[in-house]
Every structure is written in structure tokens, then in C-alpha cells.
Protein backbone atom coordinates (compact mmCIF):
# COMPACT_ATOMS: atom_id res chain seq x y z
CA UNK A 1 86.18 113.28 85.45
CA UNK A 2 87.85 115.99 86.29
CA UNK A 3 87.13 115.71 89.60
CA UNK A 4 89.35 112.90 90.03
CA UNK A 5 92.27 114.37 90.49
CA UNK A 6 91.27 116.87 92.71
CA UNK A 7 89.33 114.83 95.19
CA UNK A 8 92.18 113.71 97.62
CA UNK A 9 92.72 117.76 97.97
CA UNK A 10 89.37 118.28 99.01
CA UNK A 11 89.52 115.80 101.47
CA UNK A 12 92.97 116.64 102.91
CA UNK A 13 92.22 120.02 102.60
CA UNK A 14 89.02 120.11 104.21
CA UNK A 15 90.27 118.00 107.79
CA UNK A 16 93.69 117.74 107.15
CA UNK A 17 96.90 115.92 108.86
CA UNK A 18 99.03 115.82 106.35
CA UNK A 19 99.56 119.31 106.74
CA UNK A 20 101.68 118.65 109.81
CA UNK A 21 105.19 118.23 108.32
CA UNK A 22 106.59 119.53 111.19
CA UNK A 23 105.05 117.05 113.80
CA UNK A 24 103.30 114.03 111.97
CA UNK A 25 105.04 110.88 111.19
CA UNK A 26 102.28 110.62 108.56
CA UNK A 27 103.32 113.94 106.85
CA UNK A 28 105.76 112.39 103.97
CA UNK A 29 102.24 110.20 102.11
CA UNK A 30 101.14 111.66 99.20
CA UNK A 31 100.40 108.88 96.78
CA UNK A 32 96.70 109.08 96.72
CA UNK A 33 93.86 106.01 95.02
CA UNK A 34 91.13 108.16 95.20
CA UNK A 35 90.77 108.93 91.87
CA UNK A 36 90.19 105.25 90.83
CA UNK A 37 87.08 104.76 93.09
CA UNK A 38 83.60 104.43 91.29
CA UNK A 39 81.36 105.82 94.66
CA UNK A 40 78.23 104.13 92.75
CA UNK A 41 79.76 100.57 93.83
CA UNK A 42 80.49 102.00 97.54
CA UNK A 43 79.23 99.63 100.15
CA UNK A 44 80.56 100.68 103.95
CA UNK A 45 81.34 97.52 105.22
CA UNK A 46 82.87 98.91 108.02
CA UNK A 47 79.83 99.70 109.44
CA UNK A 48 77.90 96.31 108.75
CA UNK A 49 77.72 93.52 111.12
CA UNK A 50 80.80 91.16 110.21
CA UNK A 51 80.71 88.12 108.35
CA UNK A 52 80.53 84.32 110.18
CA UNK A 53 84.27 82.92 110.05
CA UNK A 54 85.86 86.61 108.95
CA UNK A 55 88.87 87.11 110.52
CA UNK A 56 88.88 88.64 113.84
CA UNK A 57 92.73 89.92 115.86
CA UNK A 58 92.68 90.11 119.20
CA UNK A 59 94.99 92.78 120.43
CA UNK A 60 96.06 92.64 123.79
CA UNK A 61 97.57 95.73 125.06
CA UNK A 62 99.49 97.17 128.80
CA UNK A 63 96.34 99.74 128.69
CA UNK A 64 94.03 96.63 127.64
CA UNK A 65 92.52 94.38 124.48
CA UNK A 66 90.99 95.90 121.25
CA UNK A 67 89.06 93.27 118.97
CA UNK A 68 89.40 94.15 115.63
CA UNK A 69 88.06 92.47 112.17
CA UNK A 70 90.21 92.09 109.56
CA UNK A 71 88.89 92.76 105.88
CA UNK A 72 91.38 89.78 103.22
CA UNK A 73 88.86 90.40 100.61
CA UNK A 74 89.11 93.98 99.91
CA UNK A 75 93.13 93.58 100.90
CA UNK A 76 94.21 90.29 100.42
CA UNK A 77 98.21 90.76 100.69
CA UNK A 78 98.02 93.53 103.80
CA UNK A 79 95.76 91.08 105.75
CA UNK A 80 97.62 88.06 104.94
CA UNK A 81 101.10 89.75 105.96
CA UNK A 82 99.32 90.98 109.47
CA UNK A 83 98.06 87.18 110.12
CA UNK A 84 101.76 85.69 109.24
CA UNK A 85 103.39 88.63 111.42
CA UNK A 86 100.70 87.53 114.35
CA UNK A 87 101.13 83.50 114.30
CA UNK A 88 105.28 84.40 114.33
CA UNK A 89 104.41 85.90 117.81
CA UNK A 90 106.08 89.19 115.40
CA UNK A 91 104.06 91.65 117.58
CA UNK A 92 104.25 90.24 121.01
CA UNK A 93 105.92 93.49 122.90
CA UNK A 94 106.24 95.95 119.70
CA UNK A 95 105.80 98.91 121.45
CA UNK A 96 103.59 101.81 119.92
CA UNK A 97 106.70 103.91 118.74
CA UNK A 98 104.65 107.23 117.47
CA UNK A 99 101.32 108.92 118.35
CA UNK A 100 99.72 112.30 117.55
CA UNK A 101 97.17 112.35 119.99
CA UNK A 102 93.23 111.61 119.05
CA UNK A 103 94.75 111.23 115.26
CA UNK A 104 96.90 108.03 115.32
CA UNK A 105 99.03 105.21 116.95
CA UNK A 106 101.48 103.74 115.30
CA UNK A 107 103.27 100.10 116.35
CA UNK A 108 104.27 97.54 114.54
CA UNK A 109 108.32 98.01 113.43
CA UNK A 110 110.98 95.66 113.58
CA UNK A 111 112.83 98.11 115.68
CA UNK A 112 112.32 100.50 118.64
CA UNK A 113 112.80 103.78 116.56
CA UNK A 114 109.99 102.77 113.95
CA UNK A 115 112.54 102.93 111.07
CA UNK A 116 111.88 99.42 109.83
CA UNK A 117 108.58 96.69 109.25
CA UNK A 118 108.86 93.51 107.83
CA UNK A 119 107.65 91.44 105.11
CA UNK A 120 107.90 87.68 103.69
CA UNK A 121 110.37 88.84 100.89
CA UNK A 122 111.52 91.50 102.79
CA UNK A 123 109.80 94.50 99.41
CA UNK A 124 107.11 96.76 100.33
CA UNK A 125 103.46 96.08 100.00
CA UNK A 126 101.75 97.78 97.72
CA UNK A 127 98.54 99.87 99.35
CA UNK A 128 95.29 97.98 98.40
CA UNK A 129 93.07 100.98 98.97
CA UNK A 130 89.17 100.38 98.23
CA UNK A 131 85.98 102.22 98.11
CA UNK A 132 84.51 99.97 100.90
CA UNK A 133 86.66 101.21 103.39
CA UNK A 134 87.51 104.54 105.69
CA UNK A 135 89.79 105.87 107.66
CA UNK A 136 87.18 105.78 110.42
CA UNK A 137 87.32 105.72 114.12
CA UNK A 138 89.09 102.42 115.11
CA UNK A 139 90.73 101.62 111.29
CA UNK A 140 93.79 99.24 111.41
CA UNK A 141 96.01 100.92 108.41
CA UNK A 142 99.02 100.16 106.63
CA UNK A 143 101.97 102.05 107.27
CA UNK A 144 105.62 102.49 105.51
CA UNK A 145 107.34 105.77 104.69
CA UNK A 146 107.75 104.57 101.17
CA UNK A 147 104.67 106.60 99.63
CA UNK A 148 102.06 103.83 98.27
CA UNK A 149 103.22 100.85 100.51
CA UNK A 150 103.15 99.18 103.71
CA UNK A 151 104.52 96.35 105.79
CA UNK A 152 104.41 94.69 109.08
CA UNK A 153 103.80 98.46 110.86
CA UNK A 154 100.30 99.70 111.45
CA UNK A 155 98.83 102.38 113.27
CA UNK A 156 95.27 103.10 114.51
CA UNK A 157 92.96 106.02 113.47
CA UNK A 158 91.28 108.10 116.25
CA UNK A 159 88.86 111.05 114.98
CA UNK A 160 88.58 114.82 113.96
CA UNK A 161 85.56 116.97 114.16
CA UNK A 162 83.60 117.99 111.61
CA UNK A 163 81.92 120.87 111.61
CA UNK A 164 78.91 122.24 109.51
CA UNK A 165 81.12 123.79 107.34
CA UNK A 166 83.36 120.86 106.38
CA UNK A 167 79.92 118.63 105.94
CA UNK A 168 78.85 122.15 103.39
CA UNK A 169 82.06 122.17 101.50
CA UNK A 170 81.91 118.29 101.21
CA UNK A 171 78.59 118.15 99.78
CA UNK A 172 78.82 121.71 97.77
CA UNK A 173 82.06 119.33 95.73
CA UNK A 174 80.67 117.88 92.23
CA UNK A 175 81.38 116.56 88.89
CA UNK A 176 82.81 119.60 86.85
CA UNK A 177 80.91 117.30 83.85
CA UNK A 178 77.70 115.90 84.91
CA UNK A 179 77.43 118.73 88.43
CA UNK A 180 76.65 115.65 90.26
CA UNK A 181 77.46 115.49 93.77
CA UNK A 182 80.81 113.38 94.33
CA UNK A 183 81.04 112.36 97.48
CA UNK A 184 78.01 110.84 98.72
CA UNK A 185 75.55 111.73 101.77
CA UNK A 186 75.90 108.37 103.42
CA UNK A 187 79.83 108.52 103.60
CA UNK A 188 80.03 112.03 104.58
CA UNK A 189 77.61 111.38 107.48
CA UNK A 190 79.70 108.38 108.36
CA UNK A 191 82.44 110.52 108.66
CA UNK A 192 80.64 112.51 111.45
CA UNK A 193 78.62 109.91 113.07
CA UNK A 194 81.58 107.46 113.26
CA UNK A 195 84.40 109.77 113.65
CA UNK A 196 86.92 109.51 111.38
CA UNK A 197 90.41 111.12 109.88
CA UNK A 198 89.36 112.28 106.25
CA UNK A 199 92.98 113.07 105.29
CA UNK A 200 93.94 109.46 105.63
CA UNK A 201 91.70 108.83 102.67
CA UNK A 202 92.88 106.44 99.55
CA UNK A 203 96.18 107.35 100.87
CA UNK A 204 96.91 104.10 103.38
CA UNK A 205 95.12 100.62 103.58
CA UNK A 206 92.58 100.36 105.29
CA UNK A 207 92.33 96.39 105.74
CA UNK A 208 90.70 96.09 109.80
CA UNK A 209 88.39 97.89 111.50
CA UNK A 210 88.05 97.44 115.58
CA UNK A 211 84.69 96.37 117.07
CA UNK A 212 85.61 96.15 120.47
CA UNK A 213 87.95 97.98 122.95
CA UNK A 214 87.02 101.37 121.84
CA UNK A 215 87.51 102.23 125.24
CA UNK A 216 91.17 101.13 125.35
CA UNK A 217 91.91 102.35 122.21
CA UNK A 218 91.24 106.23 123.43
CA UNK A 219 93.70 105.62 126.44
CA UNK A 220 96.21 104.48 123.78
CA UNK A 221 95.61 107.55 121.45
CA UNK A 222 95.02 110.07 123.93
CA UNK A 223 98.33 109.47 126.13
CA UNK A 224 100.73 111.83 125.84
CA UNK A 225 103.91 111.99 123.29
CA UNK A 226 107.15 113.75 122.64
CA UNK A 227 106.16 116.44 120.12
CA UNK A 228 110.11 116.54 118.49
CA UNK A 229 109.65 112.44 118.41
CA UNK A 230 106.05 111.56 118.75
CA UNK A 231 107.38 108.84 120.73
CA UNK A 232 104.88 107.79 123.83
CA UNK A 233 105.80 109.37 127.25
CA UNK A 234 105.52 106.31 128.61
CA UNK A 235 105.43 102.98 127.20
CA UNK A 236 102.85 101.88 125.33
CA UNK A 237 102.77 98.24 123.58
CA UNK A 238 101.34 95.47 122.62
CA UNK A 239 101.25 92.41 124.59
CA UNK A 240 99.94 89.60 122.13
CA UNK A 241 97.82 89.80 119.35
CA UNK A 242 95.60 86.34 118.51
CA UNK A 243 93.90 85.52 115.80
CA UNK A 244 90.17 84.35 115.68
CA UNK A 245 87.44 83.69 113.34
CA UNK A 246 84.14 85.69 114.07
CA UNK A 247 80.92 84.29 115.20
CA UNK A 248 77.98 85.31 116.76
CA UNK A 249 77.35 85.53 120.24
CA UNK A 250 81.13 84.94 120.54
CA UNK A 251 82.64 88.65 120.23
CA UNK A 252 80.38 91.88 121.41
CA UNK A 253 80.27 94.48 118.47
CA UNK A 254 80.79 98.51 120.26
CA UNK A 255 79.79 101.58 118.68
CA UNK A 256 82.67 103.94 118.98
CA UNK A 257 82.99 106.83 121.72
CA UNK A 258 81.46 109.67 119.81
CA UNK A 259 82.87 112.21 122.04
CA UNK A 260 86.69 111.47 122.41
CA UNK A 261 87.67 113.19 119.05
CA UNK A 262 90.06 116.32 118.22
CA UNK A 263 88.32 120.11 118.09
CA UNK A 264 88.45 122.03 115.13
CA UNK A 265 90.21 124.48 117.87
CA UNK A 266 92.82 121.82 118.56
CA UNK A 267 93.24 120.66 114.96
CA UNK A 268 93.87 124.84 114.33
CA UNK A 269 96.26 124.85 117.02
CA UNK A 270 98.19 121.73 116.20
CA UNK A 271 98.43 123.43 112.14
CA UNK A 272 99.96 126.74 113.62
CA UNK A 273 102.10 124.83 116.05
CA UNK A 274 103.48 122.56 112.64
CA UNK A 275 103.72 126.07 110.80
CA UNK A 276 105.74 127.31 113.71
CA UNK A 277 108.45 124.53 113.78
CA UNK A 278 108.54 122.65 110.19
CA UNK A 279 112.27 122.74 108.87
CA UNK A 280 113.42 121.82 112.77
CA UNK A 281 112.00 118.76 112.88
CA UNK A 282 111.79 115.91 110.80
CA UNK A 283 109.55 112.37 110.59
CA UNK A 284 111.48 109.76 112.22
CA UNK A 285 110.57 107.75 109.16
CA UNK A 286 112.12 108.99 107.05
CA UNK A 287 113.91 108.03 103.65
CA UNK A 288 116.03 105.64 105.76
CA UNK A 289 112.33 103.68 106.21
CA UNK A 290 113.22 99.58 105.11
CA UNK A 291 111.26 96.59 105.03
CA UNK A 292 113.11 93.56 106.00
CA UNK A 293 112.49 90.15 105.77
């Protein structure tokens, strides 16, 4: 399976955000689980209707309300930690401490700087990546600066433009031994139609998916932030997180807003800006990041 070692580089290299080392809090994550994925068993559950009784999080913010389903089946420890923190009221009043326009917005830290998170035992939670869960627009991903781990911190994903050239390159990536196409067309199409940040794939635990409130998500993701610290220029915060269970008729399922994504031109501008400042700025979530109980 020679292709496995290179798959992460293909996804991240085609549409990359981790290259924004000078301006991205997420540029320090290199551990990737894509090499363990069996695409023949892939079921894109985020595209499916939620199951009766599935965990739901209603996330009220000062810009509006977002409703998301949680995937305890595939990320049990991450979801359990999120639910425990929500039940405790931990997330109430928590600010979004870092934001990259159109790409991500991070919250859930135990301090305003975003350098600490919380778990029951004070230890980071090892990533629970799954071939069934991907960083589509509105996905909830676990975060910490410790490679391959997360804690109470999490972020919402936005979307990058997937060009025809991107799709051609993805489809042209084949198994060196069998010459078979590695990345399924179903996934490539979903990247484009649903919106996504493919560079996050296999690097962070996807544990939830927005099903309602994409207008609020866009307000958050497209807010202005400081280019150096990534902190939103105007306060954005969680007001309250309420846990519930999915039931037909109780929640309205929306399609992601397809006209809000970072264009290829904007991505190139960000990369050029980062290359010009790399070394002068650093992530505020550096090696001093920690989890606490």
C-alpha cells in the first residue's frame, strides 16, 4: 500500500491551509491518520439524515444559533468530553479565540488566550479519526496544539474552492501497485458540493456536523480577525450549549450555503501573505498549550 504514506500530502498539498504557518493556529498539526483508512468501507455519514436519538448540540452564540449532530459512534471519547463540558456549563460565555476568514473558528479554551483546554483527567484525548467523517463545511473538529490530540477546544470548518484542476489531480492519484483510483469520486464530489477544507482530513477528530444555522456559521467564519493573533476584532462567544436528541420534526435540516467559500485567488493571497511573514509571527497556541482537569 505505497500510496498510503503520500495520501495526506495529496489532500493537504492540493488545497492547503497548514502551509499558512505564519498566520494559522492550525499550522502546527502534522500527525495524520489517512494511512489507516480503508476507502472501500467509507460511508459519508455527514451526508445522511441523522438517526433517531442521535446526540444533538444546540450552540447559542451572540451572532445566532447553530445546531449540530454529534458522532459518538465514531468519536466516543471526543464526544463524551464535549458533552461533559456542555453539561457542566463550561462552554457558556466562552469566546472564539482564533479565526481564519472562511476557513475555521476555534473556541472552547479554559482561558481567553486559547492556550489551555479541559478534560476529566487533565490529559489530551487521542485523535479518533474515521474514514466516515470528513472536514466538510460546518464540521466540528477537536483541537489542541499537541499533535494527534484534542481537549475541550474545538473548531468549526468553512470551505475552500475546489477547482477543476484540484479534482483532476485528486482523481489522478492512484495506487502504485494496482493503478486503481484511491480517492473515491463520491468523496471528491462531496468536497466540492458540500464545501470543505480537505487539508484538515485525518489530522483532527471530526466529531460533529452542523445541520442548522449555516447563516450564523457564515457570520462567525467571515468575521474580521487580527492578522497576527487571529483573534476576532469584535467579540464572538458561545452563550450556551444545550444537549438534546434528534427526532424527526423537531429539528430542521439545512443544506450548507454553497456561495460562501474562500476562492482559489484568496487562498493564494493568504499563502503569499504567510510566506512573506513566516518567522515573524507564531501560533498563539504553541508548545505551552496544556489540558487541565
